[in-house]
């Protein structure tokens, strides 16, 4: 278990077209909403922003689920192609919200970096109620012409609330670059740091909590 995370209440291995994925569920007693988060495209373990948001939101009565993609469980160092990530993500989220032990709505999907892209592309397919993006990679560093703005806007096109938490010095797209691709400036929270935010991302937690509690109160 990654240091700092609450003890999970359930670990669910889910078969997908790309192999087995793993959903680690942190469900407090009387959970009133669910947040499902995916990881980035490299490395193992969970970053400080994901750990901090999980700890904060479970303390506020949210069920938080961290999803390990099949490529991670296979021991690969780098993510597979985007379509394969979507193919694995969708059955996991569906398994969490249907059948015995299903998690409560509203359902917010999200993640950091590549995980945020997956959540945006599949939000409508999993019937999410909102999307939270941590460090959305708007474009590769130094290549703004290779924009992924169409992916970012997919939740909005489906009528879903969207919020992006973006580091002020993110080489994958600054907050102002992201805002320029969205219909309203308040869809983006600018926070300290780069693409990885930092070790103690208090402002990330505040931005995420504010958005999530708005969703829960809708």
C-alpha atoms as a PDB file:
ATOM      1  CA  UNK A   1       0.000   0.000   0.000  1.00  0.00           C
ATOM      2  CA  UNK A   2       1.309   3.487  -0.874  1.00  0.00           C
ATOM      3  CA  UNK A   3       2.349   5.439   2.226  1.00  0.00           C
ATOM      4  CA  UNK A   4      -0.276   7.912   3.382  1.00  0.00           C
ATOM      5  CA  UNK A   5      -3.280   6.178   1.884  1.00  0.00           C
ATOM      6  CA  UNK A   6      -6.072   5.027   4.184  1.00  0.00           C
ATOM      7  CA  UNK A   7      -6.464   1.294   4.583  1.00  0.00           C
ATOM      8  CA  UNK A   8      -8.592  -0.045   1.706  1.00  0.00           C
ATOM      9  CA  UNK A   9     -11.956  -1.590   2.434  1.00  0.00           C
ATOM     10  CA  UNK A  10     -11.893  -3.790  -0.662  1.00  0.00           C
ATOM     11  CA  UNK A  11      -9.580  -4.701  -3.527  1.00  0.00           C
ATOM     12  CA  UNK A  12     -11.303  -5.818  -6.705  1.00  0.00           C
ATOM     13  CA  UNK A  13      -9.541  -7.457  -9.638  1.00  0.00           C
ATOM     14  CA  UNK A  14     -11.538  -6.894 -12.811  1.00  0.00           C
ATOM     15  CA  UNK A  15     -11.032  -8.767 -16.102  1.00  0.00           C
ATOM     16  CA  UNK A  16     -10.829  -6.417 -19.092  1.00  0.00           C
ATOM     17  CA  UNK A  17     -10.004  -6.822 -22.803  1.00  0.00           C
ATOM     18  CA  UNK A  18      -6.458  -5.705 -21.913  1.00  0.00           C
ATOM     19  CA  UNK A  19      -5.956  -8.059 -18.989  1.00  0.00           C
ATOM     20  CA  UNK A  20      -6.717  -7.732 -15.292  1.00  0.00           C
ATOM     21  CA  UNK A  21      -7.153  -4.284 -13.772  1.00  0.00           C
ATOM     22  CA  UNK A  22      -7.270  -3.580 -10.050  1.00  0.00           C
ATOM     23  CA  UNK A  23      -9.634  -1.288  -8.166  1.00  0.00           C
ATOM     24  CA  UNK A  24      -8.587  -0.412  -4.627  1.00  0.00           C
ATOM     25  CA  UNK A  25     -11.662   0.844  -2.787  1.00  0.00           C
ATOM     26  CA  UNK A  26     -11.577   3.221   0.174  1.00  0.00           C
ATOM     27  CA  UNK A  27     -15.195   3.382   1.326  1.00  0.00           C
ATOM     28  CA  UNK A  28     -16.002   5.109   4.608  1.00  0.00           C
ATOM     29  CA  UNK A  29     -19.104   4.136   6.553  1.00  0.00           C
ATOM     30  CA  UNK A  30     -22.194   5.834   5.078  1.00  0.00           C
ATOM     31  CA  UNK A  31     -20.388   6.965   1.913  1.00  0.00           C
ATOM     32  CA  UNK A  32     -22.409   9.600   0.051  1.00  0.00           C
ATOM     33  CA  UNK A  33     -20.623   9.832  -3.311  1.00  0.00           C
ATOM     34  CA  UNK A  34     -17.879   8.125  -5.296  1.00  0.00           C
ATOM     35  CA  UNK A  35     -14.646   9.343  -6.887  1.00  0.00           C
ATOM     36  CA  UNK A  36     -12.757   6.968  -9.216  1.00  0.00           C
ATOM     37  CA  UNK A  37      -9.204   8.007 -10.094  1.00  0.00           C
ATOM     38  CA  UNK A  38      -6.668   6.739 -12.609  1.00  0.00           C
ATOM     39  CA  UNK A  39      -2.890   7.152 -12.639  1.00  0.00           C
ATOM     40  CA  UNK A  40      -0.452   8.645 -15.111  1.00  0.00           C
ATOM     41  CA  UNK A  41       1.451   7.007 -17.946  1.00  0.00           C
ATOM     42  CA  UNK A  42       4.603   6.011 -16.099  1.00  0.00           C
ATOM     43  CA  UNK A  43       5.883   4.507 -12.888  1.00  0.00           C
ATOM     44  CA  UNK A  44       4.323   2.528 -10.082  1.00  0.00           C
ATOM     45  CA  UNK A  45       2.617   3.642  -6.895  1.00  0.00           C
ATOM     46  CA  UNK A  46       0.460   6.717  -6.375  1.00  0.00           C
ATOM     47  CA  UNK A  47       1.576  10.341  -6.513  1.00  0.00           C
ATOM     48  CA  UNK A  48       1.218  12.813  -3.661  1.00  0.00           C
ATOM     49  CA  UNK A  49      -1.758  14.610  -5.177  1.00  0.00           C
ATOM     50  CA  UNK A  50      -3.762  11.396  -5.535  1.00  0.00           C
ATOM     51  CA  UNK A  51      -2.851  10.292  -2.009  1.00  0.00           C
ATOM     52  CA  UNK A  52      -3.785  13.665  -0.524  1.00  0.00           C
ATOM     53  CA  UNK A  53      -7.094  13.913  -2.389  1.00  0.00           C
ATOM     54  CA  UNK A  54      -7.986  10.352  -1.382  1.00  0.00           C
ATOM     55  CA  UNK A  55      -7.268  11.037   2.266  1.00  0.00           C
ATOM     56  CA  UNK A  56      -9.215  14.306   2.215  1.00  0.00           C
ATOM     57  CA  UNK A  57     -12.298  13.028   0.439  1.00  0.00           C
ATOM     58  CA  UNK A  58     -12.657   9.775   2.381  1.00  0.00           C
ATOM     59  CA  UNK A  59     -12.563  11.945   5.501  1.00  0.00           C
ATOM     60  CA  UNK A  60     -15.491  13.895   4.052  1.00  0.00           C
ATOM     61  CA  UNK A  61     -17.566  10.775   3.415  1.00  0.00           C
ATOM     62  CA  UNK A  62     -16.640   9.974  -0.166  1.00  0.00           C
ATOM     63  CA  UNK A  63     -15.777   6.531  -1.451  1.00  0.00           C
ATOM     64  CA  UNK A  64     -12.522   6.884  -3.394  1.00  0.00           C
ATOM     65  CA  UNK A  65     -11.336   4.175  -5.763  1.00  0.00           C
ATOM     66  CA  UNK A  66      -7.827   4.017  -7.228  1.00  0.00           C
ATOM     67  CA  UNK A  67      -7.609   2.027 -10.458  1.00  0.00           C
ATOM     68  CA  UNK A  68      -4.418   0.305 -11.580  1.00  0.00           C
ATOM     69  CA  UNK A  69      -4.418  -0.256 -15.321  1.00  0.00           C
ATOM     70  CA  UNK A  70      -3.485  -3.754 -16.610  1.00  0.00           C
ATOM     71  CA  UNK A  71      -0.141  -2.550 -17.959  1.00  0.00           C
ATOM     72  CA  UNK A  72       0.889  -1.657 -14.418  1.00  0.00           C
ATOM     73  CA  UNK A  73      -0.071  -5.044 -13.051  1.00  0.00           C
ATOM     74  CA  UNK A  74       1.976  -6.648 -15.836  1.00  0.00           C
ATOM     75  CA  UNK A  75       5.030  -4.729 -14.624  1.00  0.00           C
ATOM     76  CA  UNK A  76       5.419  -2.510 -17.682  1.00  0.00           C
ATOM     77  CA  UNK A  77       7.144   0.835 -17.186  1.00  0.00           C
ATOM     78  CA  UNK A  78       5.126   2.903 -19.652  1.00  0.00           C
ATOM     79  CA  UNK A  79       1.433   2.978 -20.499  1.00  0.00           C
ATOM     80  CA  UNK A  80       0.021   1.276 -23.541  1.00  0.00           C
ATOM     81  CA  UNK A  81      -1.851   3.169 -26.302  1.00  0.00           C
ATOM     82  CA  UNK A  82      -4.824   5.379 -25.341  1.00  0.00           C
ATOM     83  CA  UNK A  83      -7.513   3.102 -26.846  1.00  0.00           C
ATOM     84  CA  UNK A  84      -6.274   0.199 -24.715  1.00  0.00           C
ATOM     85  CA  UNK A  85      -6.465   2.335 -21.585  1.00  0.00           C
ATOM     86  CA  UNK A  86     -10.096   3.188 -22.333  1.00  0.00           C
ATOM     87  CA  UNK A  87     -10.925  -0.471 -22.981  1.00  0.00           C
ATOM     88  CA  UNK A  88      -9.611  -1.398 -19.545  1.00  0.00           C
ATOM     89  CA  UNK A  89     -11.087   1.573 -17.650  1.00  0.00           C
ATOM     90  CA  UNK A  90     -14.716   1.245 -18.736  1.00  0.00           C
ATOM     91  CA  UNK A  91     -15.391  -2.282 -17.380  1.00  0.00           C
ATOM     92  CA  UNK A  92     -13.750  -1.383 -14.063  1.00  0.00           C
ATOM     93  CA  UNK A  93     -15.967   1.638 -13.484  1.00  0.00           C
ATOM     94  CA  UNK A  94     -19.048  -0.314 -14.543  1.00  0.00           C
ATOM     95  CA  UNK A  95     -18.170  -3.098 -12.093  1.00  0.00           C
ATOM     96  CA  UNK A  96     -17.931  -0.567  -9.272  1.00  0.00           C
ATOM     97  CA  UNK A  97     -21.351   0.970  -9.768  1.00  0.00           C
ATOM     98  CA  UNK A  98     -23.450  -2.104 -10.608  1.00  0.00           C
ATOM     99  CA  UNK A  99     -24.280  -5.332  -8.841  1.00  0.00           C
ATOM    100  CA  UNK A 100     -23.670  -6.299  -5.198  1.00  0.00           C
ATOM    101  CA  UNK A 101     -21.616  -3.809  -3.204  1.00  0.00           C
ATOM    102  CA  UNK A 102     -22.115  -1.059  -5.767  1.00  0.00           C
ATOM    103  CA  UNK A 103     -20.778   2.329  -4.785  1.00  0.00           C
ATOM    104  CA  UNK A 104     -23.056   5.334  -4.250  1.00  0.00           C
ATOM    105  CA  UNK A 105     -23.626   8.204  -6.649  1.00  0.00           C
ATOM    106  CA  UNK A 106     -23.006  10.844  -7.684  1.00  0.00           C
ATOM    107  CA  UNK A 107     -20.090   9.329  -9.587  1.00  0.00           C
ATOM    108  CA  UNK A 108     -17.077  11.486 -10.420  1.00  0.00           C
ATOM    109  CA  UNK A 109     -14.342  10.027 -12.610  1.00  0.00           C
ATOM    110  CA  UNK A 110     -10.889  11.490 -13.029  1.00  0.00           C
ATOM    111  CA  UNK A 111      -7.200  11.032 -12.579  1.00  0.00           C
ATOM    112  CA  UNK A 112      -3.856  12.599 -13.185  1.00  0.00           C
ATOM    113  CA  UNK A 113      -2.270  13.189 -16.588  1.00  0.00           C
ATOM    114  CA  UNK A 114      -2.987  10.143 -18.796  1.00  0.00           C
ATOM    115  CA  UNK A 115      -5.638   9.081 -16.279  1.00  0.00           C
ATOM    116  CA  UNK A 116      -7.371  12.422 -16.738  1.00  0.00           C
ATOM    117  CA  UNK A 117      -7.430  11.885 -20.496  1.00  0.00           C
ATOM    118  CA  UNK A 118      -8.998   8.457 -20.041  1.00  0.00           C
ATOM    119  CA  UNK A 119     -11.662   9.878 -17.744  1.00  0.00           C
ATOM    120  CA  UNK A 120     -12.562  12.609 -20.241  1.00  0.00           C
ATOM    121  CA  UNK A 121     -12.811  10.224 -23.179  1.00  0.00           C
ATOM    122  CA  UNK A 122     -14.988   7.693 -21.340  1.00  0.00           C
ATOM    123  CA  UNK A 123     -17.098   9.818 -18.979  1.00  0.00           C
ATOM    124  CA  UNK A 124     -20.250   9.507 -21.073  1.00  0.00           C
ATOM    125  CA  UNK A 125     -19.755   5.772 -21.596  1.00  0.00           C
ATOM    126  CA  UNK A 126     -19.633   5.066 -17.837  1.00  0.00           C
ATOM    127  CA  UNK A 127     -22.516   7.481 -17.080  1.00  0.00           C
ATOM    128  CA  UNK A 128     -20.384   9.689 -14.852  1.00  0.00           C
ATOM    129  CA  UNK A 129     -21.869  12.758 -13.194  1.00  0.00           C
ATOM    130  CA  UNK A 130     -18.692  14.867 -13.423  1.00  0.00           C
ATOM    131  CA  UNK A 131     -14.979  14.757 -14.292  1.00  0.00           C
ATOM    132  CA  UNK A 132     -11.970  15.900 -12.239  1.00  0.00           C
ATOM    133  CA  UNK A 133      -8.642  16.313 -14.068  1.00  0.00           C
ATOM    134  CA  UNK A 134      -5.357  16.621 -12.197  1.00  0.00           C
ATOM    135  CA  UNK A 135      -2.566  17.881 -14.491  1.00  0.00           C
ATOM    136  CA  UNK A 136      -4.342  17.427 -17.812  1.00  0.00           C
ATOM    137  CA  UNK A 137      -1.607  16.987 -20.478  1.00  0.00           C
ATOM    138  CA  UNK A 138      -2.958  19.441 -23.029  1.00  0.00           C
ATOM    139  CA  UNK A 139      -0.002  18.890 -25.349  1.00  0.00           C
ATOM    140  CA  UNK A 140       3.459  17.293 -25.254  1.00  0.00           C
ATOM    141  CA  UNK A 141       6.126  19.646 -23.858  1.00  0.00           C
ATOM    142  CA  UNK A 142       7.258  22.080 -26.508  1.00  0.00           C
ATOM    143  CA  UNK A 143       4.597  20.963 -28.994  1.00  0.00           C
ATOM    144  CA  UNK A 144       1.454  23.082 -28.483  1.00  0.00           C
ATOM    145  CA  UNK A 145       0.344  22.258 -32.031  1.00  0.00           C
ATOM    146  CA  UNK A 146      -0.326  18.658 -30.885  1.00  0.00           C
ATOM    147  CA  UNK A 147      -3.292  19.689 -28.770  1.00  0.00           C
ATOM    148  CA  UNK A 148      -5.562  17.261 -26.931  1.00  0.00           C
ATOM    149  CA  UNK A 149      -8.196  19.915 -26.316  1.00  0.00           C
ATOM    150  CA  UNK A 150     -10.854  17.871 -28.117  1.00  0.00           C
ATOM    151  CA  UNK A 151     -10.470  15.156 -25.480  1.00  0.00           C
ATOM    152  CA  UNK A 152     -10.675  17.695 -22.672  1.00  0.00           C
ATOM    153  CA  UNK A 153     -13.926  19.122 -23.986  1.00  0.00           C
ATOM    154  CA  UNK A 154     -15.698  15.767 -24.371  1.00  0.00           C
ATOM    155  CA  UNK A 155     -17.317  15.835 -20.889  1.00  0.00           C
ATOM    156  CA  UNK A 156     -18.666  19.324 -21.541  1.00  0.00           C
ATOM    157  CA  UNK A 157     -20.098  18.185 -24.865  1.00  0.00           C
ATOM    158  CA  UNK A 158     -21.930  15.462 -22.930  1.00  0.00           C
ATOM    159  CA  UNK A 159     -23.325  18.036 -20.498  1.00  0.00           C
ATOM    160  CA  UNK A 160     -21.091  17.035 -17.581  1.00  0.00           C
ATOM    161  CA  UNK A 161     -19.376  19.330 -15.060  1.00  0.00           C
ATOM    162  CA  UNK A 162     -15.605  19.432 -15.546  1.00  0.00           C
ATOM    163  CA  UNK A 163     -12.786  20.840 -13.463  1.00  0.00           C
ATOM    164  CA  UNK A 164      -9.055  20.920 -14.191  1.00  0.00           C
ATOM    165  CA  UNK A 165      -6.366  21.459 -11.547  1.00  0.00           C
ATOM    166  CA  UNK A 166      -3.221  22.612 -13.355  1.00  0.00           C
ATOM    167  CA  UNK A 167       0.284  23.562 -12.208  1.00  0.00           C
ATOM    168  CA  UNK A 168       1.381  27.105 -12.993  1.00  0.00           C
ATOM    169  CA  UNK A 169       4.593  25.843 -14.612  1.00  0.00           C
ATOM    170  CA  UNK A 170       3.226  22.691 -16.246  1.00  0.00           C
ATOM    171  CA  UNK A 171       5.163  22.086 -19.496  1.00  0.00           C
ATOM    172  CA  UNK A 172       2.241  20.013 -20.775  1.00  0.00           C
ATOM    173  CA  UNK A 173       0.053  23.136 -20.701  1.00  0.00           C
ATOM    174  CA  UNK A 174      -0.212  26.076 -18.321  1.00  0.00           C
ATOM    175  CA  UNK A 175      -3.513  26.998 -16.662  1.00  0.00           C
ATOM    176  CA  UNK A 176      -3.910  29.845 -19.161  1.00  0.00           C
ATOM    177  CA  UNK A 177      -3.401  27.498 -22.088  1.00  0.00           C
ATOM    178  CA  UNK A 178      -6.027  25.141 -20.695  1.00  0.00           C
ATOM    179  CA  UNK A 179      -8.457  27.991 -19.998  1.00  0.00           C
ATOM    180  CA  UNK A 180      -8.122  29.137 -23.586  1.00  0.00           C
ATOM    181  CA  UNK A 181      -9.588  25.809 -24.724  1.00  0.00           C
ATOM    182  CA  UNK A 182     -12.607  25.884 -22.392  1.00  0.00           C
ATOM    183  CA  UNK A 183     -15.742  28.025 -22.330  1.00  0.00           C
ATOM    184  CA  UNK A 184     -15.199  29.457 -18.839  1.00  0.00           C
ATOM    185  CA  UNK A 185     -12.092  30.438 -16.861  1.00  0.00           C
ATOM    186  CA  UNK A 186     -13.442  29.009 -13.593  1.00  0.00           C
ATOM    187  CA  UNK A 187     -13.258  25.477 -14.998  1.00  0.00           C
ATOM    188  CA  UNK A 188      -9.513  25.593 -14.218  1.00  0.00           C
ATOM    189  CA  UNK A 189      -7.751  26.015 -10.866  1.00  0.00           C
ATOM    190  CA  UNK A 190      -4.155  27.245 -11.106  1.00  0.00           C
ATOM    191  CA  UNK A 191      -1.918  25.792  -8.385  1.00  0.00           C
ATOM    192  CA  UNK A 192       1.766  25.815  -7.524  1.00  0.00           C
ATOM    193  CA  UNK A 193       4.188  23.510  -9.283  1.00  0.00           C
ATOM    194  CA  UNK A 194       4.721  21.719 -12.547  1.00  0.00           C
ATOM    195  CA  UNK A 195       3.075  18.607 -13.979  1.00  0.00           C
ATOM    196  CA  UNK A 196       3.745  16.718 -10.750  1.00  0.00           C
ATOM    197  CA  UNK A 197       2.600  19.549  -8.412  1.00  0.00           C
ATOM    198  CA  UNK A 198       4.893  18.702  -5.469  1.00  0.00           C
ATOM    199  CA  UNK A 199       5.076  16.682  -2.273  1.00  0.00           C
ATOM    200  CA  UNK A 200       2.518  18.619  -0.216  1.00  0.00           C
ATOM    201  CA  UNK A 201      -0.146  19.787  -2.675  1.00  0.00           C
ATOM    202  CA  UNK A 202      -2.461  21.586  -0.267  1.00  0.00           C
ATOM    203  CA  UNK A 203      -3.833  23.892  -2.970  1.00  0.00           C
ATOM    204  CA  UNK A 204      -4.567  20.871  -5.187  1.00  0.00           C
ATOM    205  CA  UNK A 205      -6.619  19.314  -2.397  1.00  0.00           C
ATOM    206  CA  UNK A 206      -8.529  22.542  -1.791  1.00  0.00           C
ATOM    207  CA  UNK A 207      -9.391  22.912  -5.489  1.00  0.00           C
ATOM    208  CA  UNK A 208     -10.441  19.275  -5.835  1.00  0.00           C
ATOM    209  CA  UNK A 209     -12.509  19.332  -2.645  1.00  0.00           C
ATOM    210  CA  UNK A 210     -14.326  22.518  -3.646  1.00  0.00           C
ATOM    211  CA  UNK A 211     -15.352  21.059  -7.000  1.00  0.00           C
ATOM    212  CA  UNK A 212     -16.319  17.650  -5.608  1.00  0.00           C
ATOM    213  CA  UNK A 213     -18.441  19.090  -2.828  1.00  0.00           C
ATOM    214  CA  UNK A 214     -20.242  21.225  -5.404  1.00  0.00           C
ATOM    215  CA  UNK A 215     -21.012  18.074  -7.371  1.00  0.00           C
ATOM    216  CA  UNK A 216     -22.257  16.289  -4.256  1.00  0.00           C
ATOM    217  CA  UNK A 217     -24.541  19.211  -3.449  1.00  0.00           C
ATOM    218  CA  UNK A 218     -26.129  19.490  -6.877  1.00  0.00           C
END
